[in-house]
Amino acid sequence: MTMIFVDTSALLAVSIAHDKFHGTAQQVWLTLLERAEELVCNNYTIVETISLLQRRFGIDSVKYFIENIAPALHVVWVEESQHDAALNTILTANRRGLSLVDCASMETMRRLGIRRIFAFDPHFAELGLEGV
């Protein structure tokens, strides 16, 4: 079984039927579930996903995510050292579009040795990570 990191962009696309990536995301999600891949994210990704769902689409979308998508995820909690490393990455990268959540995700992946990601965010491909 391969560990695959699941980014907020993929979680939103799987959760929202009118997301422009929903069709592709749904196919990939179902394939990953069928193959029993270990789907990993961190708690920052969960917080970001729920915040965006609630703000953009309402509490029903949050309920759908919590009941139908989240149970398939192995959530890794970001520790203080990971948080500090993510902050350092933001400052070092000096890029407006790179978020704390993206940096914490990359740090989680680095620490767990994950090289594959389910995402629609181009930052990860720029870093040489393999998409699914």
N, C-alpha and C. Protein backbone atom coordinates (compact mmCIF):
# COMPACT_ATOMS: atom_id res chain seq x y z
N MET A 1 0.85 -1.18 0.00
CA MET A 1 0.00 0.00 0.00
C MET A 1 0.89 1.24 0.00
N THR A 2 0.55 2.17 -0.84
CA THR A 2 1.29 3.42 -0.97
C THR A 2 0.59 4.53 -0.20
N MET A 3 1.37 5.37 0.47
CA MET A 3 0.79 6.55 1.11
C MET A 3 0.68 7.65 0.07
N ILE A 4 -0.47 8.27 0.01
CA ILE A 4 -0.73 9.38 -0.91
C ILE A 4 -1.27 10.54 -0.09
N PHE A 5 -0.63 11.70 -0.24
CA PHE A 5 -1.11 12.88 0.47
C PHE A 5 -2.28 13.47 -0.31
N VAL A 6 -3.33 13.87 0.39
CA VAL A 6 -4.51 14.46 -0.23
C VAL A 6 -4.58 15.93 0.18
N ASP A 7 -4.51 16.80 -0.82
CA ASP A 7 -4.50 18.24 -0.62
C ASP A 7 -5.92 18.80 -0.54
N THR A 8 -6.03 19.98 0.03
CA THR A 8 -7.31 20.68 0.11
C THR A 8 -7.97 20.81 -1.26
N SER A 9 -7.20 21.12 -2.29
CA SER A 9 -7.78 21.29 -3.63
C SER A 9 -8.51 20.03 -4.09
N ALA A 10 -7.96 18.87 -3.78
CA ALA A 10 -8.61 17.61 -4.15
C ALA A 10 -9.83 17.36 -3.28
N LEU A 11 -9.72 17.66 -1.99
CA LEU A 11 -10.85 17.44 -1.09
C LEU A 11 -12.04 18.32 -1.46
N LEU A 12 -11.77 19.55 -1.85
CA LEU A 12 -12.84 20.43 -2.30
C LEU A 12 -13.47 19.90 -3.59
N ALA A 13 -12.62 19.47 -4.52
CA ALA A 13 -13.12 18.98 -5.81
C ALA A 13 -13.96 17.72 -5.64
N VAL A 14 -13.58 16.84 -4.74
CA VAL A 14 -14.36 15.63 -4.48
C VAL A 14 -15.69 15.98 -3.81
N SER A 15 -15.68 16.97 -2.95
CA SER A 15 -16.85 17.32 -2.13
C SER A 15 -17.91 18.13 -2.87
N ILE A 16 -17.50 18.93 -3.84
CA ILE A 16 -18.42 19.89 -4.47
C ILE A 16 -18.70 19.49 -5.92
N ALA A 17 -19.94 19.14 -6.20
CA ALA A 17 -20.32 18.63 -7.53
C ALA A 17 -20.08 19.63 -8.65
N HIS A 18 -20.17 20.92 -8.38
CA HIS A 18 -19.98 21.90 -9.46
C HIS A 18 -18.56 22.48 -9.50
N ASP A 19 -17.64 21.87 -8.75
CA ASP A 19 -16.23 22.26 -8.87
C ASP A 19 -15.73 21.86 -10.24
N LYS A 20 -14.89 22.69 -10.85
CA LYS A 20 -14.44 22.41 -12.23
C LYS A 20 -13.63 21.12 -12.34
N PHE A 21 -13.07 20.63 -11.23
CA PHE A 21 -12.29 19.39 -11.24
C PHE A 21 -13.07 18.20 -10.68
N HIS A 22 -14.37 18.40 -10.39
CA HIS A 22 -15.12 17.35 -9.69
C HIS A 22 -15.12 16.01 -10.41
N GLY A 23 -15.38 15.99 -11.71
CA GLY A 23 -15.43 14.73 -12.46
C GLY A 23 -14.14 13.95 -12.34
N THR A 24 -13.03 14.61 -12.59
CA THR A 24 -11.72 13.98 -12.48
C THR A 24 -11.45 13.56 -11.04
N ALA A 25 -11.74 14.46 -10.11
CA ALA A 25 -11.48 14.18 -8.70
C ALA A 25 -12.28 12.97 -8.22
N GLN A 26 -13.51 12.88 -8.62
CA GLN A 26 -14.37 11.78 -8.21
C GLN A 26 -13.82 10.45 -8.73
N GLN A 27 -13.38 10.43 -9.98
CA GLN A 27 -12.81 9.20 -10.56
C GLN A 27 -11.55 8.79 -9.81
N VAL A 28 -10.66 9.75 -9.57
CA VAL A 28 -9.41 9.45 -8.86
C VAL A 28 -9.71 8.97 -7.44
N TRP A 29 -10.60 9.66 -6.75
CA TRP A 29 -10.96 9.31 -5.37
C TRP A 29 -11.47 7.87 -5.29
N LEU A 30 -12.39 7.52 -6.17
CA LEU A 30 -12.95 6.17 -6.15
C LEU A 30 -11.89 5.12 -6.48
N THR A 31 -11.00 5.43 -7.40
CA THR A 31 -9.91 4.51 -7.74
C THR A 31 -8.99 4.31 -6.54
N LEU A 32 -8.63 5.40 -5.86
CA LEU A 32 -7.76 5.30 -4.68
C LEU A 32 -8.42 4.48 -3.58
N LEU A 33 -9.71 4.66 -3.39
CA LEU A 33 -10.43 3.89 -2.37
C LEU A 33 -10.49 2.41 -2.75
N GLU A 34 -10.74 2.13 -4.02
CA GLU A 34 -10.79 0.74 -4.49
C GLU A 34 -9.45 0.04 -4.31
N ARG A 35 -8.37 0.77 -4.53
CA ARG A 35 -7.03 0.19 -4.39
C ARG A 35 -6.57 0.16 -2.94
N ALA A 36 -7.38 0.67 -2.05
CA ALA A 36 -7.08 0.70 -0.61
C ALA A 36 -5.75 1.41 -0.32
N GLU A 37 -5.51 2.50 -1.04
CA GLU A 37 -4.32 3.31 -0.78
C GLU A 37 -4.48 3.99 0.58
N GLU A 38 -3.37 4.28 1.24
CA GLU A 38 -3.44 5.03 2.50
C GLU A 38 -3.49 6.51 2.16
N LEU A 39 -4.63 7.13 2.36
CA LEU A 39 -4.86 8.53 2.02
C LEU A 39 -4.56 9.38 3.25
N VAL A 40 -3.51 10.19 3.14
CA VAL A 40 -2.98 10.95 4.27
C VAL A 40 -3.19 12.44 4.04
N CYS A 41 -3.52 13.14 5.10
CA CYS A 41 -3.48 14.60 5.10
C CYS A 41 -3.08 15.01 6.52
N ASN A 42 -2.97 16.30 6.75
CA ASN A 42 -2.70 16.73 8.11
C ASN A 42 -3.86 17.57 8.63
N ASN A 43 -3.80 17.89 9.91
CA ASN A 43 -4.91 18.63 10.50
C ASN A 43 -5.06 20.03 9.92
N TYR A 44 -3.98 20.62 9.41
CA TYR A 44 -4.09 21.94 8.78
C TYR A 44 -4.93 21.83 7.50
N THR A 45 -4.76 20.73 6.76
CA THR A 45 -5.54 20.51 5.54
C THR A 45 -7.02 20.37 5.88
N ILE A 46 -7.32 19.67 6.96
CA ILE A 46 -8.71 19.49 7.39
C ILE A 46 -9.32 20.84 7.77
N VAL A 47 -8.58 21.63 8.54
CA VAL A 47 -9.07 22.95 8.95
C VAL A 47 -9.32 23.84 7.73
N GLU A 48 -8.36 23.85 6.81
CA GLU A 48 -8.52 24.68 5.61
C GLU A 48 -9.72 24.22 4.78
N THR A 49 -9.86 22.92 4.61
CA THR A 49 -10.96 22.38 3.81
C THR A 49 -12.31 22.75 4.42
N ILE A 50 -12.45 22.53 5.71
CA ILE A 50 -13.73 22.83 6.37
C ILE A 50 -14.01 24.33 6.33
N SER A 51 -13.00 25.15 6.54
CA SER A 51 -13.20 26.61 6.50
C SER A 51 -13.67 27.05 5.12
N LEU A 52 -13.03 26.54 4.07
CA LEU A 52 -13.42 26.93 2.71
C LEU A 52 -14.80 26.41 2.35
N LEU A 53 -15.09 25.17 2.73
CA LEU A 53 -16.42 24.63 2.45
C LEU A 53 -17.50 25.44 3.14
N GLN A 54 -17.29 25.74 4.41
CA GLN A 54 -18.30 26.48 5.17
C GLN A 54 -18.51 27.87 4.60
N ARG A 55 -17.41 28.57 4.30
CA ARG A 55 -17.51 29.94 3.80
C ARG A 55 -18.10 30.00 2.40
N ARG A 56 -17.68 29.11 1.53
CA ARG A 56 -18.11 29.18 0.12
C ARG A 56 -19.42 28.48 -0.16
N PHE A 57 -19.70 27.37 0.56
CA PHE A 57 -20.83 26.53 0.17
C PHE A 57 -21.82 26.24 1.29
N GLY A 58 -21.49 26.58 2.52
CA GLY A 58 -22.43 26.39 3.62
C GLY A 58 -22.18 25.13 4.43
N ILE A 59 -22.92 25.04 5.52
CA ILE A 59 -22.71 23.98 6.51
C ILE A 59 -23.06 22.60 5.96
N ASP A 60 -23.97 22.51 5.00
CA ASP A 60 -24.32 21.20 4.44
C ASP A 60 -23.11 20.57 3.74
N SER A 61 -22.30 21.39 3.10
CA SER A 61 -21.10 20.85 2.44
C SER A 61 -20.09 20.37 3.48
N VAL A 62 -20.03 21.05 4.62
CA VAL A 62 -19.14 20.62 5.71
C VAL A 62 -19.63 19.27 6.24
N LYS A 63 -20.92 19.15 6.45
CA LYS A 63 -21.50 17.90 6.93
C LYS A 63 -21.20 16.76 5.96
N TYR A 64 -21.36 17.01 4.66
CA TYR A 64 -21.07 15.98 3.65
C TYR A 64 -19.60 15.56 3.74
N PHE A 65 -18.71 16.53 3.83
CA PHE A 65 -17.28 16.24 3.92
C PHE A 65 -16.97 15.40 5.16
N ILE A 66 -17.46 15.82 6.31
CA ILE A 66 -17.17 15.13 7.57
C ILE A 66 -17.73 13.70 7.56
N GLU A 67 -18.91 13.52 6.98
CA GLU A 67 -19.54 12.21 7.01
C GLU A 67 -19.07 11.27 5.91
N ASN A 68 -18.68 11.81 4.74
CA ASN A 68 -18.43 10.97 3.58
C ASN A 68 -16.98 10.94 3.09
N ILE A 69 -16.23 11.98 3.31
CA ILE A 69 -14.87 12.07 2.79
C ILE A 69 -13.84 11.87 3.90
N ALA A 70 -13.98 12.60 4.98
CA ALA A 70 -13.00 12.58 6.07
C ALA A 70 -12.74 11.19 6.66
N PRO A 71 -13.75 10.32 6.77
CA PRO A 71 -13.46 9.00 7.37
C PRO A 71 -12.42 8.17 6.59
N ALA A 72 -12.21 8.47 5.32
CA ALA A 72 -11.25 7.71 4.51
C ALA A 72 -9.82 8.23 4.69
N LEU A 73 -9.66 9.33 5.42
CA LEU A 73 -8.35 9.97 5.55
C LEU A 73 -7.64 9.59 6.84
N HIS A 74 -6.33 9.38 6.72
CA HIS A 74 -5.47 9.23 7.89
C HIS A 74 -4.91 10.63 8.18
N VAL A 75 -5.34 11.23 9.28
CA VAL A 75 -4.95 12.61 9.60
C VAL A 75 -3.74 12.60 10.52
N VAL A 76 -2.68 13.25 10.06
CA VAL A 76 -1.45 13.40 10.83
C VAL A 76 -1.47 14.79 11.46
N TRP A 77 -1.24 14.86 12.75
CA TRP A 77 -1.27 16.14 13.44
C TRP A 77 0.07 16.85 13.31
N VAL A 78 0.03 18.10 12.92
CA VAL A 78 1.24 18.92 12.77
C VAL A 78 1.76 19.26 14.15
N GLU A 79 3.01 18.89 14.39
CA GLU A 79 3.65 19.20 15.67
C GLU A 79 4.34 20.56 15.57
N GLU A 80 4.78 21.05 16.71
CA GLU A 80 5.41 22.38 16.76
C GLU A 80 6.61 22.48 15.83
N SER A 81 7.44 21.45 15.78
CA SER A 81 8.63 21.50 14.91
C SER A 81 8.24 21.55 13.44
N GLN A 82 7.16 20.86 13.07
CA GLN A 82 6.67 20.91 11.69
C GLN A 82 6.10 22.29 11.36
N HIS A 83 5.38 22.84 12.30
CA HIS A 83 4.83 24.18 12.14
C HIS A 83 5.96 25.19 11.93
N ASP A 84 6.99 25.10 12.76
CA ASP A 84 8.14 26.01 12.63
C ASP A 84 8.83 25.84 11.29
N ALA A 85 8.99 24.59 10.84
CA ALA A 85 9.61 24.33 9.54
C ALA A 85 8.77 24.92 8.41
N ALA A 86 7.44 24.81 8.53
CA ALA A 86 6.54 25.37 7.51
C ALA A 86 6.65 26.90 7.48
N LEU A 87 6.72 27.53 8.65
CA LEU A 87 6.90 28.99 8.70
C LEU A 87 8.23 29.39 8.06
N ASN A 88 9.27 28.64 8.34
CA ASN A 88 10.58 28.91 7.76
C ASN A 88 10.53 28.78 6.23
N THR A 89 9.80 27.80 5.73
CA THR A 89 9.67 27.61 4.29
C THR A 89 8.97 28.80 3.64
N ILE A 90 7.94 29.31 4.29
CA ILE A 90 7.24 30.49 3.75
C ILE A 90 8.21 31.67 3.64
N LEU A 91 8.96 31.90 4.70
CA LEU A 91 9.88 33.03 4.70
C LEU A 91 11.00 32.85 3.69
N THR A 92 11.50 31.64 3.57
CA THR A 92 12.59 31.35 2.63
C THR A 92 12.11 31.44 1.19
N ALA A 93 10.92 30.89 0.91
CA ALA A 93 10.38 30.88 -0.45
C ALA A 93 10.04 32.29 -0.93
N ASN A 94 9.57 33.13 0.01
CA ASN A 94 9.24 34.52 -0.31
C ASN A 94 8.28 34.63 -1.50
N ARG A 95 7.23 33.77 -1.47
CA ARG A 95 6.24 33.74 -2.53
C ARG A 95 4.86 34.00 -1.95
N ARG A 96 4.15 34.89 -2.54
CA ARG A 96 2.82 35.23 -2.04
C ARG A 96 1.83 34.07 -2.10
N GLY A 97 1.89 33.27 -3.15
CA GLY A 97 0.89 32.22 -3.35
C GLY A 97 1.13 30.93 -2.59
N LEU A 98 2.22 30.83 -1.86
CA LEU A 98 2.53 29.62 -1.11
C LEU A 98 2.01 29.80 0.32
N SER A 99 1.04 28.99 0.71
CA SER A 99 0.40 29.18 2.00
C SER A 99 1.07 28.37 3.11
N LEU A 100 0.75 28.71 4.34
CA LEU A 100 1.22 27.96 5.49
C LEU A 100 0.74 26.52 5.41
N VAL A 101 -0.49 26.31 4.97
CA VAL A 101 -1.03 24.96 4.85
C VAL A 101 -0.25 24.17 3.81
N ASP A 102 0.06 24.79 2.66
CA ASP A 102 0.88 24.12 1.64
C ASP A 102 2.23 23.72 2.21
N CYS A 103 2.87 24.62 2.92
CA CYS A 103 4.19 24.35 3.49
C CYS A 103 4.13 23.26 4.57
N ALA A 104 3.08 23.29 5.38
CA ALA A 104 2.91 22.25 6.40
C ALA A 104 2.64 20.90 5.73
N SER A 105 1.90 20.91 4.64
CA SER A 105 1.65 19.68 3.89
C SER A 105 2.94 19.11 3.34
N MET A 106 3.76 19.97 2.76
CA MET A 106 5.04 19.52 2.21
C MET A 106 5.94 18.97 3.32
N GLU A 107 5.89 19.60 4.48
CA GLU A 107 6.71 19.13 5.61
C GLU A 107 6.20 17.77 6.10
N THR A 108 4.90 17.59 6.16
CA THR A 108 4.33 16.29 6.54
C THR A 108 4.76 15.22 5.54
N MET A 109 4.67 15.54 4.27
CA MET A 109 5.07 14.59 3.23
C MET A 109 6.56 14.24 3.35
N ARG A 110 7.37 15.24 3.58
CA ARG A 110 8.81 15.02 3.70
C ARG A 110 9.10 14.08 4.87
N ARG A 111 8.47 14.35 6.00
CA ARG A 111 8.74 13.55 7.20
C ARG A 111 8.25 12.12 7.08
N LEU A 112 7.19 11.91 6.30
CA LEU A 112 6.65 10.56 6.13
C LEU A 112 7.19 9.86 4.88
N GLY A 113 7.98 10.56 4.09
CA GLY A 113 8.53 9.97 2.87
C GLY A 113 7.50 9.80 1.77
N ILE A 114 6.48 10.65 1.76
CA ILE A 114 5.42 10.57 0.75
C ILE A 114 5.86 11.35 -0.49
N ARG A 115 5.79 10.73 -1.65
CA ARG A 115 6.17 11.38 -2.91
C ARG A 115 5.01 11.57 -3.87
N ARG A 116 3.84 11.00 -3.52
CA ARG A 116 2.68 11.10 -4.41
C ARG A 116 1.61 11.95 -3.73
N ILE A 117 0.94 12.75 -4.56
CA ILE A 117 -0.07 13.66 -4.01
C ILE A 117 -1.29 13.71 -4.92
N PHE A 118 -2.44 13.80 -4.30
CA PHE A 118 -3.69 14.02 -5.01
C PHE A 118 -4.03 15.49 -4.79
N ALA A 119 -3.82 16.29 -5.83
CA ALA A 119 -3.98 17.74 -5.71
C ALA A 119 -4.23 18.36 -7.07
N PHE A 120 -4.86 19.51 -7.05
CA PHE A 120 -5.02 20.33 -8.25
C PHE A 120 -4.27 21.64 -8.09
N ASP A 121 -3.47 21.75 -7.06
CA ASP A 121 -2.66 22.92 -6.75
C ASP A 121 -1.31 22.76 -7.45
N PRO A 122 -0.91 23.69 -8.31
CA PRO A 122 0.34 23.54 -9.08
C PRO A 122 1.62 23.61 -8.24
N HIS A 123 1.56 24.12 -7.02
CA HIS A 123 2.77 24.24 -6.19
C HIS A 123 3.45 22.90 -6.00
N PHE A 124 2.66 21.87 -5.86
CA PHE A 124 3.23 20.56 -5.55
C PHE A 124 3.96 19.96 -6.76
N ALA A 125 3.41 20.13 -7.93
CA ALA A 125 4.08 19.62 -9.14
C ALA A 125 5.39 20.38 -9.37
N GLU A 126 5.39 21.68 -9.06
CA GLU A 126 6.61 22.49 -9.21
C GLU A 126 7.73 21.97 -8.33
N LEU A 127 7.37 21.30 -7.24
CA LEU A 127 8.36 20.75 -6.31
C LEU A 127 8.77 19.32 -6.67
N GLY A 128 8.27 18.83 -7.78
CA GLY A 128 8.65 17.51 -8.24
C GLY A 128 7.87 16.35 -7.64
N LEU A 129 6.77 16.65 -6.98
CA LEU A 129 5.96 15.58 -6.41
C LEU A 129 5.12 14.95 -7.52
N GLU A 130 4.89 13.67 -7.39
CA GLU A 130 4.15 12.92 -8.40
C GLU A 130 2.66 12.97 -8.13
N GLY A 131 1.91 13.42 -9.08
CA GLY A 131 0.46 13.44 -8.94
C GLY A 131 -0.13 12.06 -9.18
N VAL A 132 -1.35 11.85 -8.72
CA VAL A 132 -2.01 10.57 -8.94
C VAL A 132 -3.02 10.68 -10.05
